[in-house]
Amino acid sequence: MTFPIRFASLAAAGFATVVAPGASAQQVVRPPIAQYWMDVATHTMAGMPEMPAMPGMPSLPGFMGGGAAGAGGNQYGNARGMATGRWLDLALHTRNKPSGSEATHSIPPGMQMGASLPLVPLAATPRTPDREPGEPPEDLRERPTGRLLIYWGCSETVRPGQPRIIDLAGADPQAFGRAFAGRYAPDRGARVAPGYSLWPNEKHRAMVPRGASLAGEHAIRGDGVPASMRFALGQSHDFMPAIELAASGALTDSIALQWPAVANARAYYLHAMASVGKDMVLWSSAETADTGMGLFDYLSNATVDRWVAEKALLPAGTTRCAVPKGIFASGKEEGAMLRMIAWGSELNLAHPPRPADPRTPWEPEWAARVRVKATTMAMLGVDTAAAGERGSTPSAAPAGQGEQPAGQSAQDATPSIPGLPGAGRAIDAIRGIFGR
């Protein structure tokens, strides 16, 4: 079998003209006939072993503009949320079948999900409307009355010049938008629009098993799909191992964060938040002062490497960090929520190989992009290492806890996370600062 070469970048639509490396002439590069996307994610709770997929768990990135995790069931977009489990989002678009192709993705035996997964064309309008990066969801766009207090850097004490304070009540709409945008990278995933074929879908919502592996042979077949669309994935682009984050220290103290190096990780980033009255306190592991809301998503290898060099992300060799002492002390009743992400390496494939002669146009039959990440979430002020030592199975909630109050819908109910008391309060705190 002949496998495709890696490629640095490729236009997904329209014609592109680029300069071939080492050549004075421009080479015409046309978009692939078929484009494929694979988003791969491992989401866990700190202090707990990796658990089977639990789509009912809260998804903070989804809440702030990420995927569909937490909406119930396996659906496209869960790989971009933070519901616990292993998640896989697949998307196909082919110019040969612009209305969408009924297709299949043949998977290796290690996936433990049969011989293939069905790709079904999307006909309905996407559930979540597009919005600008960093822009709060529509139901959170009421003008807030508090402030953002932004801290940054791995340090046991508050550094000089911190916090950066943004008075949201006095900010104009543009300043309010800038406060949330911060550092971000344009989305390079599938458009998720009619004409795109997706898995999971309404016909097939099987959960990815806890021990599933993508390593092995893959093939995409269907109407309008080139017969050559097959490739192999290795361990470096498989599901990443769970992040084994340990947090220790009370909210009144400096909180120590440490973790074993995650296999195949390219960089790390940590972010925490808490509500203090009408104010929101934010902290990140970056050496830059912004809200950090735009970083919990897939990033290209070039972006990860550039932001590591700019000290916005932690290098792959980092295994510890610290939250400055006392910055969340006044939020101890509501709790402080921390998220962590590890980026794997993005893989880009194209077939056939690019012609060496720059005078020869290149029109690949197909291209594929595989993006990999792992995330975890923890309540600060809870010793997650001790929580993990109490047992691998979270204890059941006492009678009366976790029950839905009369008249309250499941969507509105505050989520409860076994082993992490107060996690739901932290999510409510995020809503609270925006007047919810």
Protein backbone atom coordinates (compact mmCIF):
# COMPACT_ATOMS: atom_id res chain seq x y z
CA MET A 1 0.00 0.00 0.00
CA THR A 2 1.26 3.47 -0.83
CA PHE A 3 0.61 5.98 1.90
CA PRO A 4 0.24 9.75 1.43
CA ILE A 5 2.84 12.30 2.42
CA ARG A 6 2.37 14.90 5.13
CA PHE A 7 1.60 18.43 4.05
CA ALA A 8 2.04 21.73 5.83
CA SER A 9 -1.12 23.46 4.69
CA LEU A 10 -3.79 23.05 2.06
CA ALA A 11 -6.75 25.21 1.10
CA ALA A 12 -10.06 23.54 1.91
CA ALA A 13 -12.02 25.47 -0.72
CA GLY A 14 -11.33 27.53 -3.82
CA PHE A 15 -8.12 27.71 -5.79
CA ALA A 16 -4.78 28.48 -4.18
CA THR A 17 -1.52 29.53 -5.78
CA VAL A 18 1.63 29.10 -3.72
CA VAL A 19 5.36 29.35 -4.27
CA ALA A 20 7.02 25.95 -4.37
CA PRO A 21 9.98 25.66 -1.95
CA GLY A 22 13.25 26.54 -3.64
CA ALA A 23 11.57 27.51 -6.90
CA SER A 24 11.11 30.88 -8.57
CA ALA A 25 7.96 29.82 -10.43
CA GLN A 26 4.59 29.64 -8.73
CA GLN A 27 2.90 26.27 -8.51
CA VAL A 28 -0.87 26.05 -8.86
CA VAL A 29 -2.32 24.12 -5.92
CA ARG A 30 -5.97 23.17 -6.16
CA PRO A 31 -8.12 22.01 -3.24
CA PRO A 32 -8.55 18.27 -2.69
CA ILE A 33 -11.57 16.52 -4.15
CA ALA A 34 -12.36 15.15 -0.68
CA GLN A 35 -11.40 16.68 2.69
CA TYR A 36 -11.59 14.71 5.94
CA TRP A 37 -11.33 15.81 9.55
CA MET A 38 -10.73 13.68 12.65
CA ASP A 39 -10.92 15.35 16.08
CA VAL A 40 -9.62 13.05 18.83
CA ALA A 41 -10.01 13.84 22.55
CA THR A 42 -9.52 12.29 25.99
CA HIS A 43 -11.38 14.11 28.78
CA THR A 44 -11.06 13.26 32.49
CA MET A 45 -11.70 14.57 36.00
CA ALA A 46 -8.61 15.22 38.11
CA GLY A 47 -8.10 12.73 40.92
CA MET A 48 -10.15 10.06 39.17
CA PRO A 49 -9.14 7.27 36.80
CA GLU A 50 -10.20 7.53 33.18
CA MET A 51 -13.91 6.71 33.09
CA PRO A 52 -16.24 5.58 30.30
CA ALA A 53 -17.82 8.35 28.25
CA MET A 54 -20.32 10.34 30.32
CA PRO A 55 -22.08 12.81 27.99
CA GLY A 56 -24.21 14.23 30.78
CA MET A 57 -21.19 15.75 32.53
CA PRO A 58 -20.75 19.54 32.32
CA SER A 59 -18.64 21.01 29.55
CA LEU A 60 -17.10 24.35 30.43
CA PRO A 61 -15.50 24.90 27.02
CA GLY A 62 -18.82 24.01 25.45
CA PHE A 63 -20.54 26.45 27.82
CA MET A 64 -18.11 29.21 26.80
CA GLY A 65 -18.28 28.43 23.10
CA GLY A 66 -16.95 24.93 22.52
CA GLY A 67 -18.63 21.69 21.54
CA ALA A 68 -21.88 19.97 22.30
CA ALA A 69 -20.70 17.88 25.23
CA GLY A 70 -23.13 17.77 28.09
CA ALA A 71 -26.21 17.95 25.87
CA GLY A 72 -26.84 14.21 26.28
CA GLY A 73 -25.82 11.26 24.12
CA ASN A 74 -22.91 10.96 21.74
CA GLN A 75 -23.15 13.72 19.16
CA TYR A 76 -20.80 15.60 16.89
CA GLY A 77 -18.90 18.27 18.84
CA ASN A 78 -18.25 16.28 22.02
CA ALA A 79 -14.54 16.13 21.17
CA ARG A 80 -14.43 19.91 21.63
CA GLY A 81 -16.11 19.89 25.04
CA MET A 82 -14.92 18.41 28.34
CA ALA A 83 -17.40 15.65 29.19
CA THR A 84 -15.41 12.72 30.57
CA GLY A 85 -14.46 9.90 28.24
CA ARG A 86 -12.85 9.31 24.86
CA TRP A 87 -14.43 11.22 22.00
CA LEU A 88 -14.08 11.11 18.24
CA ASP A 89 -15.62 13.55 15.76
CA LEU A 90 -15.46 12.66 12.06
CA ALA A 91 -16.41 14.94 9.16
CA LEU A 92 -16.23 14.49 5.38
CA HIS A 93 -16.78 16.89 2.50
CA THR A 94 -16.31 15.96 -1.14
CA ARG A 95 -16.71 18.16 -4.21
CA ASN A 96 -17.95 15.12 -6.12
CA LYS A 97 -21.04 15.01 -3.89
CA PRO A 98 -21.76 18.58 -2.71
CA SER A 99 -25.08 17.57 -1.12
CA GLY A 100 -23.26 15.17 1.21
CA SER A 101 -22.03 11.62 0.83
CA GLU A 102 -23.38 8.50 2.50
CA ALA A 103 -20.03 7.03 3.48
CA THR A 104 -18.26 4.73 5.91
CA HIS A 105 -15.00 4.99 7.83
CA SER A 106 -13.32 1.58 8.17
CA ILE A 107 -11.60 1.45 11.55
CA PRO A 108 -8.90 -0.78 13.07
CA PRO A 109 -9.88 -3.62 15.46
CA GLY A 110 -8.41 -1.67 18.39
CA MET A 111 -11.37 0.72 18.27
CA GLN A 112 -13.60 -2.11 19.57
CA MET A 113 -16.53 -0.64 17.62
CA GLY A 114 -16.93 -3.06 14.74
CA ALA A 115 -15.57 -2.83 11.22
CA SER A 116 -16.68 0.73 10.36
CA LEU A 117 -18.51 3.88 11.42
CA PRO A 118 -21.26 5.39 9.21
CA LEU A 119 -20.92 8.97 7.97
CA VAL A 120 -24.30 10.64 7.44
CA PRO A 121 -24.88 13.93 5.54
CA LEU A 122 -26.00 16.82 7.73
CA ALA A 123 -29.29 18.28 6.57
CA ALA A 124 -30.39 20.44 9.50
CA THR A 125 -28.93 23.79 10.56
CA PRO A 126 -26.10 23.36 13.11
CA ARG A 127 -27.32 23.49 16.72
CA THR A 128 -24.86 26.19 17.83
CA PRO A 129 -24.71 29.33 15.67
CA ASP A 130 -21.32 30.72 14.70
CA ARG A 131 -19.99 33.69 16.64
CA GLU A 132 -16.78 35.60 16.93
CA PRO A 133 -13.90 33.96 18.90
CA GLY A 134 -14.17 34.80 22.59
CA GLU A 135 -17.70 36.19 22.26
CA PRO A 136 -19.98 34.98 25.08
CA PRO A 137 -22.99 32.81 24.12
CA GLU A 138 -26.10 34.75 23.13
CA ASP A 139 -27.82 34.11 26.46
CA LEU A 140 -24.83 35.61 28.30
CA ARG A 141 -24.59 38.88 26.38
CA GLU A 142 -26.39 41.03 28.93
CA ARG A 143 -24.09 43.75 30.21
CA PRO A 144 -22.44 42.51 33.45
CA THR A 145 -21.90 44.71 36.48
CA GLY A 146 -18.72 43.24 37.94
CA ARG A 147 -15.03 43.19 37.11
CA LEU A 148 -12.53 40.75 35.69
CA LEU A 149 -9.44 40.29 37.84
CA ILE A 150 -6.79 38.59 35.72
CA TYR A 151 -3.72 36.86 37.19
CA TRP A 152 -1.14 34.88 35.26
CA GLY A 153 2.02 32.81 35.54
CA CYS A 154 3.09 29.76 37.56
CA SER A 155 4.05 31.37 40.86
CA GLU A 156 3.42 30.76 44.56
CA THR A 157 2.92 34.49 45.12
CA VAL A 158 1.18 37.25 43.21
CA ARG A 159 3.66 38.92 40.91
CA PRO A 160 4.15 42.70 40.76
CA GLY A 161 1.69 44.44 38.45
CA GLN A 162 -1.09 41.92 38.98
CA PRO A 163 -4.01 41.67 38.72
CA ARG A 164 -5.07 43.28 35.50
CA ILE A 165 -8.54 44.68 36.24
CA ILE A 166 -11.27 45.18 33.66
CA ASP A 167 -14.39 47.03 34.84
CA LEU A 168 -17.09 45.36 32.79
CA ALA A 169 -19.81 47.74 33.92
CA GLY A 170 -17.97 50.73 32.49
CA ALA A 171 -16.63 49.05 29.37
CA ASP A 172 -18.12 49.78 25.96
CA PRO A 173 -19.26 46.78 23.89
CA GLN A 174 -16.00 46.71 21.93
CA ALA A 175 -13.91 46.69 25.11
CA PHE A 176 -16.16 44.00 26.55
CA GLY A 177 -15.54 41.87 23.45
CA ARG A 178 -11.78 42.44 23.59
CA ALA A 179 -11.73 41.40 27.24
CA PHE A 180 -13.06 37.98 26.29
CA ALA A 181 -11.27 37.48 23.00
CA GLY A 182 -7.68 37.38 24.24
CA ARG A 183 -5.35 35.04 22.41
CA TYR A 184 -7.01 32.62 20.02
CA ALA A 185 -6.42 30.81 16.73
CA PRO A 186 -8.95 30.72 13.87
CA ASP A 187 -10.87 27.46 13.71
CA ARG A 188 -9.48 24.97 11.18
CA GLY A 189 -12.04 22.24 11.70
CA ALA A 190 -14.99 21.16 9.58
CA ARG A 191 -17.68 23.76 8.88
CA VAL A 192 -20.45 21.46 10.12
CA ALA A 193 -22.99 22.59 7.54
CA PRO A 194 -25.35 20.89 5.09
CA GLY A 195 -23.27 18.92 2.60
CA TYR A 196 -20.86 17.68 5.29
CA SER A 197 -21.13 14.06 6.42
CA LEU A 198 -20.60 13.45 10.14
CA TRP A 199 -20.13 10.82 12.80
CA PRO A 200 -21.59 10.55 15.42
CA ASN A 201 -25.00 11.19 13.90
CA GLU A 202 -28.70 10.55 14.48
CA LYS A 203 -28.38 7.03 13.09
CA HIS A 204 -25.31 5.96 15.06
CA ARG A 205 -24.38 7.35 18.49
CA ALA A 206 -22.28 4.51 19.93
CA MET A 207 -19.87 5.58 22.67
CA VAL A 208 -16.13 5.17 22.16
CA PRO A 209 -14.92 2.44 24.57
CA ARG A 210 -12.51 3.42 27.32
CA GLY A 211 -9.65 1.33 25.85
CA ALA A 212 -10.27 2.26 22.20
CA SER A 213 -7.27 2.84 19.93
CA LEU A 214 -7.08 4.51 16.52
CA ALA A 215 -3.68 3.01 15.70
CA GLY A 216 -3.87 1.02 12.47
CA GLU A 217 -5.41 1.15 9.00
CA HIS A 218 -8.24 3.52 8.05
CA ALA A 219 -10.26 3.84 4.83
CA ILE A 220 -13.09 6.17 3.77
CA ARG A 221 -15.59 4.86 1.21
CA GLY A 222 -18.75 6.35 -0.24
CA ASP A 223 -20.39 8.28 -3.06
CA GLY A 224 -17.95 10.76 -4.54
CA VAL A 225 -15.08 9.60 -2.32
CA PRO A 226 -11.83 8.81 -4.20
CA ALA A 227 -11.00 5.10 -4.12
CA SER A 228 -7.49 5.96 -2.89
CA MET A 229 -8.73 7.47 0.40
CA ARG A 230 -6.98 5.27 2.93
CA PHE A 231 -4.23 5.91 5.47
CA ALA A 232 -2.62 4.57 8.63
CA LEU A 233 -2.37 6.20 12.06
CA GLY A 234 0.39 5.49 14.56
CA GLN A 235 0.56 5.78 18.34
CA SER A 236 1.52 9.47 18.18
CA HIS A 237 -1.92 10.30 16.76
CA ASP A 238 -3.96 7.90 18.86
CA PHE A 239 -6.12 8.89 21.83
CA MET A 240 -3.82 10.60 24.34
CA PRO A 241 -3.46 9.13 27.83
CA ALA A 242 -5.41 10.79 30.61
CA ILE A 243 -3.79 13.80 32.29
CA GLU A 244 -3.00 12.71 35.85
CA LEU A 245 -3.26 16.12 37.48
CA ALA A 246 -2.79 16.42 41.25
CA ALA A 247 -3.77 19.64 43.02
CA SER A 248 -3.08 20.34 46.69
CA GLY A 249 -3.61 23.34 48.91
CA ALA A 250 -6.50 25.36 50.30
CA LEU A 251 -7.93 28.34 48.43
CA THR A 252 -6.30 30.62 50.99
CA ASP A 253 -2.87 29.16 50.14
CA SER A 254 -0.75 28.75 47.05
CA ILE A 255 -2.11 25.70 45.23
CA ALA A 256 0.48 23.22 43.96
CA LEU A 257 -0.26 21.56 40.62
CA GLN A 258 1.74 18.65 39.28
CA TRP A 259 1.37 15.87 36.74
CA PRO A 260 3.44 13.17 35.05
CA ALA A 261 4.46 14.04 31.51
CA VAL A 262 1.69 13.08 29.07
CA ALA A 263 2.89 10.84 26.25
CA ASN A 264 2.97 12.63 22.88
CA ALA A 265 2.06 16.00 24.43
CA ARG A 266 3.39 19.04 22.57
CA ALA A 267 2.44 21.68 25.18
CA TYR A 268 0.20 22.36 28.20
CA TYR A 269 -2.04 25.13 29.44
CA LEU A 270 -3.92 25.59 32.73
CA HIS A 271 -6.72 28.03 33.51
CA ALA A 272 -8.79 28.65 36.65
CA MET A 273 -11.74 30.85 37.53
CA ALA A 274 -13.94 31.71 40.49
CA SER A 275 -16.73 34.12 41.32
CA VAL A 276 -16.07 36.58 44.13
CA GLY A 277 -19.21 38.61 44.71
CA LYS A 278 -19.91 40.31 41.39
CA ASP A 279 -16.31 39.93 40.25
CA MET A 280 -14.73 37.07 38.33
CA VAL A 281 -11.17 36.06 39.18
CA LEU A 282 -9.21 34.42 36.36
CA TRP A 283 -5.77 32.82 36.42
CA SER A 284 -3.71 31.06 33.78
CA SER A 285 -0.33 29.37 33.50
CA ALA A 286 0.64 31.75 30.68
CA GLU A 287 3.16 34.56 30.97
CA THR A 288 0.66 36.82 29.20
CA ALA A 289 -2.30 38.69 30.69
CA ASP A 290 -5.55 37.85 28.96
CA THR A 291 -8.65 35.87 29.86
CA GLY A 292 -7.37 32.71 28.16
CA MET A 293 -10.86 31.73 27.01
CA GLY A 294 -9.74 31.04 23.45
CA LEU A 295 -7.09 28.41 24.17
CA PHE A 296 -9.17 25.32 25.03
CA ASP A 297 -9.43 24.09 21.49
CA TYR A 298 -7.36 22.34 18.84
CA LEU A 299 -4.28 24.25 17.65
CA SER A 300 -1.96 23.67 14.72
CA ASN A 301 1.60 22.50 15.39
CA ALA A 302 2.96 25.85 14.21
CA THR A 303 0.64 27.77 16.55
CA VAL A 304 1.53 25.58 19.53
CA ASP A 305 5.25 25.96 18.87
CA ARG A 306 4.98 29.73 18.41
CA TRP A 307 2.96 30.20 21.59
CA VAL A 308 5.37 28.02 23.56
CA ALA A 309 8.18 30.30 22.36
CA GLU A 310 6.11 33.30 23.44
CA LYS A 311 5.56 31.65 26.85
CA ALA A 312 1.80 31.59 26.46
CA LEU A 313 1.87 27.76 26.69
CA LEU A 314 3.97 25.49 28.89
CA PRO A 315 6.60 23.33 27.11
CA ALA A 316 6.06 19.58 26.87
CA GLY A 317 8.69 18.90 29.56
CA THR A 318 6.79 20.89 32.22
CA THR A 319 5.36 18.78 35.06
CA ARG A 320 4.41 21.34 37.71
CA CYS A 321 2.90 24.78 38.23
CA ALA A 322 1.48 26.84 41.10
CA VAL A 323 -1.51 29.11 41.58
CA PRO A 324 -0.55 32.30 43.48
CA LYS A 325 -1.48 32.38 47.15
CA GLY A 326 -4.89 33.71 48.09
CA ILE A 327 -6.19 34.90 44.73
CA PHE A 328 -9.26 32.66 45.11
CA ALA A 329 -9.54 32.95 48.90
CA SER A 330 -12.68 35.09 48.81
CA GLY A 331 -14.40 32.63 46.51
CA LYS A 332 -14.19 29.63 48.85
CA GLU A 333 -17.97 29.41 49.24
CA GLU A 334 -18.54 29.14 45.49
CA GLY A 335 -15.35 27.24 44.70
CA ALA A 336 -12.77 27.70 41.96
CA MET A 337 -12.72 25.59 38.81
CA LEU A 338 -9.50 24.66 37.01
CA ARG A 339 -9.12 23.27 33.50
CA MET A 340 -6.00 21.85 31.88
CA ILE A 341 -5.27 20.90 28.28
CA ALA A 342 -2.45 18.94 26.63
CA TRP A 343 -2.09 19.25 22.86
CA GLY A 344 -0.88 16.36 20.77
CA SER A 345 0.64 16.81 17.33
CA GLU A 346 -1.66 17.55 14.42
CA LEU A 347 -1.28 15.25 11.42
CA ASN A 348 -1.97 16.44 7.88
CA LEU A 349 -2.07 13.99 4.99
CA ALA A 350 -2.60 14.37 1.24
CA HIS A 351 -2.61 12.07 -1.78
CA PRO A 352 -1.04 11.97 -4.33
CA PRO A 353 2.31 13.54 -3.41
CA ARG A 354 3.06 17.07 -4.51
CA PRO A 355 4.86 17.21 -7.87
CA ALA A 356 8.48 18.30 -7.62
CA ASP A 357 8.19 20.33 -10.82
CA PRO A 358 6.61 23.69 -9.86
CA ARG A 359 5.21 23.98 -13.39
CA THR A 360 2.98 20.97 -12.74
CA PRO A 361 -0.32 21.84 -11.00
CA TRP A 362 -1.16 19.84 -7.88
CA GLU A 363 -4.73 18.71 -7.25
CA PRO A 364 -4.81 16.12 -4.48
CA GLU A 365 -7.50 13.48 -4.66
CA TRP A 366 -7.99 13.83 -0.92
CA ALA A 367 -6.61 15.37 2.25
CA ALA A 368 -7.10 14.51 5.92
CA ARG A 369 -6.44 16.41 9.14
CA VAL A 370 -6.13 14.58 12.49
CA ARG A 371 -6.16 16.73 15.65
CA VAL A 372 -5.45 15.31 19.11
CA LYS A 373 -5.80 16.67 22.65
CA ALA A 374 -6.42 15.67 26.25
CA THR A 375 -8.10 17.74 28.96
CA THR A 376 -8.94 17.48 32.63
CA MET A 377 -10.93 19.51 35.13
CA ALA A 378 -10.64 19.97 38.90
CA MET A 379 -12.10 21.92 41.79
CA LEU A 380 -9.34 23.90 43.50
CA GLY A 381 -9.21 23.57 47.26
CA VAL A 382 -9.92 19.82 46.97
CA ASP A 383 -6.91 17.52 47.29
CA THR A 384 -7.36 15.60 44.04
CA ALA A 385 -4.53 13.16 44.79
CA ALA A 386 -6.30 12.10 47.99
CA ALA A 387 -9.61 11.85 46.13
CA GLY A 388 -8.04 9.44 43.67
CA GLU A 389 -6.60 7.29 46.46
CA ARG A 390 -10.05 6.77 48.00
CA GLY A 391 -10.99 4.42 45.19
CA SER A 392 -11.37 4.13 41.48
CA THR A 393 -15.16 4.24 41.57
CA PRO A 394 -16.79 7.52 42.62
CA SER A 395 -19.17 7.05 45.51
CA ALA A 396 -22.86 7.46 44.93
CA ALA A 397 -24.46 10.69 46.04
CA PRO A 398 -26.30 10.49 49.37
CA ALA A 399 -30.06 10.17 49.23
CA GLY A 400 -31.65 13.40 48.12
CA GLN A 401 -28.52 14.76 46.47
CA GLY A 402 -28.34 15.08 42.72
CA GLU A 403 -32.14 14.86 42.45
CA GLN A 404 -33.79 17.34 40.14
CA PRO A 405 -35.89 19.88 42.06
CA ALA A 406 -39.56 20.06 41.17
CA GLY A 407 -40.21 22.43 38.29
CA GLN A 408 -36.57 22.51 37.19
CA SER A 409 -35.57 21.07 33.85
CA ALA A 410 -32.55 18.83 33.41
CA GLN A 411 -30.97 21.50 31.23
CA ASP A 412 -31.28 24.15 33.95
CA ALA A 413 -30.28 21.93 36.85
CA THR A 414 -26.87 22.59 38.38
CA PRO A 415 -24.65 19.60 37.47
CA SER A 416 -23.26 17.44 40.26
CA ILE A 417 -19.92 15.70 39.87
CA PRO A 418 -19.20 12.76 42.21
CA GLY A 419 -15.91 13.26 44.03
CA LEU A 420 -15.74 16.99 43.25
CA PRO A 421 -18.17 18.75 45.57
CA GLY A 422 -19.03 22.27 44.49
CA ALA A 423 -18.26 21.83 40.78
CA GLY A 424 -21.80 22.76 39.94
CA ARG A 425 -21.52 25.89 42.07
CA ALA A 426 -18.46 26.95 40.07
CA ILE A 427 -20.42 26.59 36.84
CA ASP A 428 -23.23 28.64 38.38
CA ALA A 429 -20.61 31.21 39.36
CA ILE A 430 -19.62 31.64 35.73
CA ARG A 431 -23.23 32.25 34.87
CA GLY A 432 -23.62 34.56 37.86
CA ILE A 433 -21.10 37.15 36.73
CA PHE A 434 -23.05 37.58 33.51
CA GLY A 435 -26.29 38.25 35.35
CA ARG A 436 -27.81 34.78 34.97
